[in-house]
């Protein structure tokens, strides 16, 4: 099921994780653990680029849907974002990569 523009804006603004009542599908590299993120970033492979691009696309999409109120990438570049996710995932290896994305959005609303 697809989430409408208003629903994602509400979702993005509510918390670091989607509410239990959120009705959307999450697919792709974001389902992997932060432990996987950290391991891949230490020894880059083709999978590393996949998870990095998933994260950047996820955050770009949040900015697209949430604009102008929410723009988590405002004033940042890819290395800064990836370094932030590195820190989050090092501290939270059992969380998912998407959890890192939700937390990034929550701490970088604009």
N, C-alpha and C. Protein backbone atom coordinates (compact mmCIF):
# COMPACT_ATOMS: atom_id res chain seq x y z
N UNK A 1 0.84 -1.18 0.00
CA UNK A 1 0.00 0.00 0.00
C UNK A 1 0.88 1.24 0.00
N UNK A 2 0.47 2.24 -0.74
CA UNK A 2 1.23 3.48 -0.83
C UNK A 2 0.76 4.47 0.22
N UNK A 3 1.72 5.22 0.72
CA UNK A 3 1.42 6.25 1.71
C UNK A 3 1.30 7.58 0.99
N UNK A 4 0.22 8.29 1.24
CA UNK A 4 0.01 9.58 0.60
C UNK A 4 0.94 10.65 1.14
N UNK A 5 1.04 11.76 0.41
CA UNK A 5 1.92 12.87 0.79
C UNK A 5 1.65 13.35 2.22
N UNK A 6 0.43 13.57 2.57
CA UNK A 6 0.11 14.04 3.92
C UNK A 6 0.49 13.03 4.98
N UNK A 7 0.29 11.75 4.70
CA UNK A 7 0.63 10.71 5.66
C UNK A 7 2.11 10.64 5.93
N UNK A 8 2.93 10.81 4.89
CA UNK A 8 4.37 10.75 5.10
C UNK A 8 4.85 12.00 5.83
N UNK A 9 4.28 13.13 5.54
CA UNK A 9 4.66 14.34 6.28
C UNK A 9 4.37 14.13 7.76
N UNK A 10 3.22 13.60 8.07
CA UNK A 10 2.88 13.32 9.45
C UNK A 10 3.84 12.29 10.04
N UNK A 11 4.12 11.24 9.29
CA UNK A 11 5.04 10.20 9.74
C UNK A 11 6.43 10.77 10.00
N UNK A 12 6.93 11.57 9.09
CA UNK A 12 8.27 12.14 9.23
C UNK A 12 8.35 13.03 10.47
N UNK A 13 7.30 13.76 10.75
CA UNK A 13 7.35 14.72 11.84
C UNK A 13 7.06 14.15 13.21
N UNK A 14 6.61 12.93 13.30
CA UNK A 14 6.15 12.42 14.58
C UNK A 14 7.26 11.90 15.48
N UNK A 15 8.13 11.07 14.97
CA UNK A 15 9.12 10.45 15.84
C UNK A 15 10.23 9.82 15.02
N UNK A 16 11.21 9.27 15.73
CA UNK A 16 12.33 8.63 15.06
C UNK A 16 11.93 7.29 14.45
N UNK A 17 10.83 6.75 14.82
CA UNK A 17 10.33 5.51 14.25
C UNK A 17 8.89 5.74 13.82
N UNK A 18 8.46 5.04 12.79
CA UNK A 18 7.09 5.22 12.36
C UNK A 18 6.14 4.71 13.45
N UNK A 19 5.00 5.35 13.59
CA UNK A 19 4.05 4.88 14.59
C UNK A 19 3.55 3.48 14.23
N UNK A 20 3.13 2.74 15.23
CA UNK A 20 2.66 1.38 15.00
C UNK A 20 1.49 1.36 14.02
N UNK A 21 0.75 2.45 13.93
CA UNK A 21 -0.40 2.50 13.04
C UNK A 21 -0.03 2.89 11.61
N UNK A 22 1.24 3.21 11.36
CA UNK A 22 1.66 3.61 10.01
C UNK A 22 1.42 2.46 9.05
N UNK A 23 0.90 2.78 7.90
CA UNK A 23 0.58 1.75 6.91
C UNK A 23 1.38 2.01 5.64
N UNK A 24 2.57 1.47 5.59
CA UNK A 24 3.40 1.59 4.41
C UNK A 24 4.34 0.39 4.34
N UNK A 25 4.89 0.17 3.19
CA UNK A 25 5.82 -0.94 3.00
C UNK A 25 7.23 -0.41 2.92
N UNK A 26 8.13 -1.09 3.54
CA UNK A 26 9.54 -0.76 3.50
C UNK A 26 10.26 -1.93 2.86
N UNK A 27 10.97 -1.69 1.78
CA UNK A 27 11.71 -2.75 1.12
C UNK A 27 13.12 -2.29 0.85
N UNK A 28 13.99 -3.22 0.57
CA UNK A 28 15.36 -2.89 0.19
C UNK A 28 16.34 -3.00 1.32
N UNK A 29 17.47 -2.36 1.13
CA UNK A 29 18.60 -2.47 2.06
C UNK A 29 18.29 -1.91 3.44
N UNK A 30 17.28 -1.10 3.57
CA UNK A 30 16.92 -0.53 4.85
C UNK A 30 16.47 -1.55 5.88
N UNK A 31 16.16 -2.74 5.44
CA UNK A 31 15.75 -3.80 6.36
C UNK A 31 16.93 -4.46 7.04
N UNK A 32 18.13 -4.28 6.52
CA UNK A 32 19.33 -4.88 7.11
C UNK A 32 19.65 -4.21 8.44
N UNK A 33 20.46 -4.86 9.23
CA UNK A 33 20.83 -4.31 10.54
C UNK A 33 21.91 -3.26 10.43
N UNK A 34 21.99 -2.44 11.45
CA UNK A 34 23.07 -1.47 11.54
C UNK A 34 24.42 -2.18 11.64
N UNK A 35 24.43 -3.37 12.22
CA UNK A 35 25.66 -4.16 12.25
C UNK A 35 26.16 -4.45 10.84
N UNK A 36 25.23 -4.74 9.95
CA UNK A 36 25.59 -4.96 8.54
C UNK A 36 26.13 -3.68 7.93
N UNK A 37 25.49 -2.55 8.24
CA UNK A 37 25.96 -1.24 7.76
C UNK A 37 27.42 -1.03 8.17
N UNK A 38 27.68 -1.21 9.46
CA UNK A 38 29.02 -0.96 10.00
C UNK A 38 30.05 -1.89 9.36
N UNK A 39 29.70 -3.16 9.23
CA UNK A 39 30.62 -4.12 8.62
C UNK A 39 30.92 -3.74 7.17
N UNK A 40 29.90 -3.39 6.42
CA UNK A 40 30.09 -3.02 5.01
C UNK A 40 30.88 -1.72 4.86
N UNK A 41 30.67 -0.79 5.75
CA UNK A 41 31.40 0.48 5.65
C UNK A 41 32.87 0.31 6.00
N UNK A 42 33.21 -0.68 6.83
CA UNK A 42 34.61 -0.92 7.17
C UNK A 42 35.36 -1.60 6.03
N UNK A 43 34.67 -2.45 5.30
CA UNK A 43 35.26 -3.16 4.15
C UNK A 43 34.35 -2.97 2.95
N UNK A 44 34.50 -1.85 2.24
CA UNK A 44 33.57 -1.52 1.15
C UNK A 44 33.51 -2.58 0.06
N UNK A 45 32.28 -2.86 -0.34
CA UNK A 45 31.99 -3.76 -1.45
C UNK A 45 30.88 -3.12 -2.28
N UNK A 46 30.41 -3.83 -3.27
CA UNK A 46 29.27 -3.35 -4.05
C UNK A 46 28.05 -3.20 -3.14
N UNK A 47 27.91 -4.09 -2.15
CA UNK A 47 26.79 -3.98 -1.20
C UNK A 47 26.86 -2.68 -0.41
N UNK A 48 28.06 -2.20 -0.14
CA UNK A 48 28.22 -0.95 0.60
C UNK A 48 27.57 0.19 -0.16
N UNK A 49 27.84 0.28 -1.45
CA UNK A 49 27.24 1.33 -2.27
C UNK A 49 25.73 1.20 -2.29
N UNK A 50 25.24 -0.03 -2.31
CA UNK A 50 23.79 -0.24 -2.32
C UNK A 50 23.15 0.30 -1.05
N UNK A 51 23.71 -0.01 0.11
CA UNK A 51 23.09 0.46 1.35
C UNK A 51 23.27 1.97 1.53
N UNK A 52 24.40 2.50 1.08
CA UNK A 52 24.59 3.95 1.15
C UNK A 52 23.57 4.67 0.27
N UNK A 53 23.40 4.19 -0.95
CA UNK A 53 22.45 4.81 -1.87
C UNK A 53 21.02 4.64 -1.40
N UNK A 54 20.72 3.51 -0.75
CA UNK A 54 19.39 3.33 -0.19
C UNK A 54 19.13 4.43 0.84
N UNK A 55 20.09 4.64 1.74
CA UNK A 55 19.93 5.65 2.79
C UNK A 55 19.76 7.04 2.19
N UNK A 56 20.63 7.40 1.25
CA UNK A 56 20.54 8.74 0.65
C UNK A 56 19.23 8.91 -0.10
N UNK A 57 18.77 7.88 -0.77
CA UNK A 57 17.48 7.95 -1.46
C UNK A 57 16.31 8.06 -0.50
N UNK A 58 16.38 7.30 0.59
CA UNK A 58 15.34 7.34 1.62
C UNK A 58 15.23 8.75 2.19
N UNK A 59 16.36 9.34 2.54
CA UNK A 59 16.36 10.68 3.11
C UNK A 59 15.98 11.74 2.08
N UNK A 60 16.40 11.56 0.85
CA UNK A 60 16.01 12.48 -0.22
C UNK A 60 14.50 12.43 -0.42
N UNK A 61 13.94 11.23 -0.40
CA UNK A 61 12.49 11.06 -0.54
C UNK A 61 11.73 11.71 0.59
N UNK A 62 12.25 11.59 1.81
CA UNK A 62 11.61 12.23 2.96
C UNK A 62 11.61 13.74 2.76
N UNK A 63 12.70 14.29 2.25
CA UNK A 63 12.76 15.72 1.99
C UNK A 63 11.81 16.14 0.89
N UNK A 64 11.69 15.32 -0.14
CA UNK A 64 10.79 15.63 -1.24
C UNK A 64 9.34 15.67 -0.76
N UNK A 65 8.95 14.66 -0.01
CA UNK A 65 7.58 14.57 0.47
C UNK A 65 7.31 15.61 1.57
N UNK A 66 8.30 15.88 2.40
CA UNK A 66 8.10 16.75 3.55
C UNK A 66 8.32 18.22 3.30
N UNK A 67 8.85 18.59 2.13
CA UNK A 67 9.17 19.98 1.85
C UNK A 67 7.90 20.83 1.87
N UNK A 68 7.97 22.04 2.32
CA UNK A 68 9.15 22.76 2.79
C UNK A 68 9.41 22.60 4.29
N UNK A 69 8.47 21.98 5.02
CA UNK A 69 8.63 21.89 6.47
C UNK A 69 9.79 20.96 6.87
N UNK A 70 9.95 19.85 6.17
CA UNK A 70 10.98 18.89 6.51
C UNK A 70 11.96 18.74 5.35
N UNK A 71 13.21 18.92 5.63
CA UNK A 71 14.28 18.71 4.64
C UNK A 71 15.50 18.22 5.39
N UNK A 72 15.55 16.93 5.70
CA UNK A 72 16.62 16.42 6.55
C UNK A 72 18.02 16.58 5.96
N UNK A 73 18.13 16.76 4.66
CA UNK A 73 19.44 16.88 4.03
C UNK A 73 19.88 18.33 3.84
N UNK A 74 19.09 19.27 4.32
CA UNK A 74 19.39 20.68 4.13
C UNK A 74 20.78 21.04 4.66
N UNK A 75 21.63 21.55 3.79
CA UNK A 75 22.96 22.01 4.16
C UNK A 75 23.98 20.90 4.37
N UNK A 76 23.62 19.67 4.08
CA UNK A 76 24.53 18.54 4.29
C UNK A 76 24.94 17.92 2.96
N UNK A 77 26.08 17.25 2.98
CA UNK A 77 26.49 16.48 1.80
C UNK A 77 26.51 15.00 2.17
N UNK A 78 26.70 14.16 1.17
CA UNK A 78 26.66 12.71 1.39
C UNK A 78 27.67 12.24 2.44
N UNK A 79 28.93 12.68 2.41
CA UNK A 79 29.86 12.22 3.46
C UNK A 79 29.40 12.56 4.88
N UNK A 80 28.80 13.72 5.07
CA UNK A 80 28.31 14.10 6.40
C UNK A 80 27.16 13.19 6.84
N UNK A 81 26.26 12.91 5.92
CA UNK A 81 25.13 12.03 6.23
C UNK A 81 25.63 10.63 6.57
N UNK A 82 26.52 10.10 5.73
CA UNK A 82 27.02 8.74 5.95
C UNK A 82 27.80 8.63 7.25
N UNK A 83 28.54 9.68 7.60
CA UNK A 83 29.26 9.68 8.88
C UNK A 83 28.28 9.66 10.04
N UNK A 84 27.18 10.41 9.93
CA UNK A 84 26.17 10.42 10.99
C UNK A 84 25.58 9.02 11.15
N UNK A 85 25.26 8.38 10.02
CA UNK A 85 24.70 7.02 10.08
C UNK A 85 25.74 6.04 10.64
N UNK A 86 27.01 6.22 10.28
CA UNK A 86 28.07 5.39 10.86
C UNK A 86 28.03 5.45 12.38
N UNK A 87 27.92 6.64 12.92
CA UNK A 87 27.89 6.82 14.38
C UNK A 87 26.64 6.19 14.99
N UNK A 88 25.49 6.42 14.36
CA UNK A 88 24.25 5.83 14.87
C UNK A 88 24.35 4.32 14.87
N UNK A 89 24.80 3.76 13.77
CA UNK A 89 24.85 2.30 13.66
C UNK A 89 25.90 1.68 14.57
N UNK A 90 27.01 2.35 14.79
CA UNK A 90 28.02 1.84 15.73
C UNK A 90 27.44 1.76 17.14
N UNK A 91 26.60 2.73 17.48
CA UNK A 91 25.99 2.75 18.82
C UNK A 91 24.76 1.86 18.92
N UNK A 92 24.18 1.47 17.78
CA UNK A 92 22.92 0.71 17.77
C UNK A 92 22.98 -0.44 16.75
N UNK A 93 23.91 -1.39 16.91
CA UNK A 93 24.11 -2.42 15.89
C UNK A 93 22.91 -3.33 15.64
N UNK A 94 22.01 -3.46 16.58
CA UNK A 94 20.86 -4.34 16.40
C UNK A 94 19.66 -3.63 15.78
N UNK A 95 19.71 -2.32 15.68
CA UNK A 95 18.65 -1.58 15.00
C UNK A 95 18.80 -1.77 13.50
N UNK A 96 17.76 -1.44 12.76
CA UNK A 96 17.82 -1.56 11.30
C UNK A 96 18.38 -0.28 10.69
N UNK A 97 18.81 -0.39 9.46
CA UNK A 97 19.29 0.78 8.72
C UNK A 97 18.15 1.79 8.58
N UNK A 98 16.94 1.30 8.40
CA UNK A 98 15.81 2.24 8.32
C UNK A 98 15.61 2.97 9.65
N UNK A 99 15.87 2.31 10.77
CA UNK A 99 15.80 3.00 12.06
C UNK A 99 16.79 4.17 12.09
N UNK A 100 17.97 3.96 11.52
CA UNK A 100 18.95 5.05 11.43
C UNK A 100 18.37 6.19 10.60
N UNK A 101 17.70 5.85 9.50
CA UNK A 101 17.06 6.88 8.68
C UNK A 101 15.99 7.64 9.41
N UNK A 102 15.12 6.93 10.14
CA UNK A 102 14.08 7.61 10.92
C UNK A 102 14.70 8.55 11.95
N UNK A 103 15.75 8.08 12.61
CA UNK A 103 16.41 8.90 13.63
C UNK A 103 17.07 10.12 13.00
N UNK A 104 17.67 9.94 11.84
CA UNK A 104 18.28 11.07 11.13
C UNK A 104 17.23 12.12 10.83
N UNK A 105 16.09 11.69 10.31
CA UNK A 105 15.01 12.62 9.97
C UNK A 105 14.53 13.34 11.23
N UNK A 106 14.41 12.60 12.31
CA UNK A 106 13.94 13.18 13.56
C UNK A 106 14.91 14.24 14.10
N UNK A 107 16.19 14.02 13.92
CA UNK A 107 17.19 14.97 14.46
C UNK A 107 17.63 16.03 13.46
N UNK A 108 17.19 15.92 12.22
CA UNK A 108 17.53 16.90 11.17
C UNK A 108 16.25 17.31 10.41
N UNK A 109 15.30 17.92 11.07
CA UNK A 109 14.06 18.23 10.37
C UNK A 109 14.19 19.28 9.28
N UNK A 110 15.14 20.20 9.43
CA UNK A 110 15.31 21.22 8.40
C UNK A 110 16.67 21.87 8.47
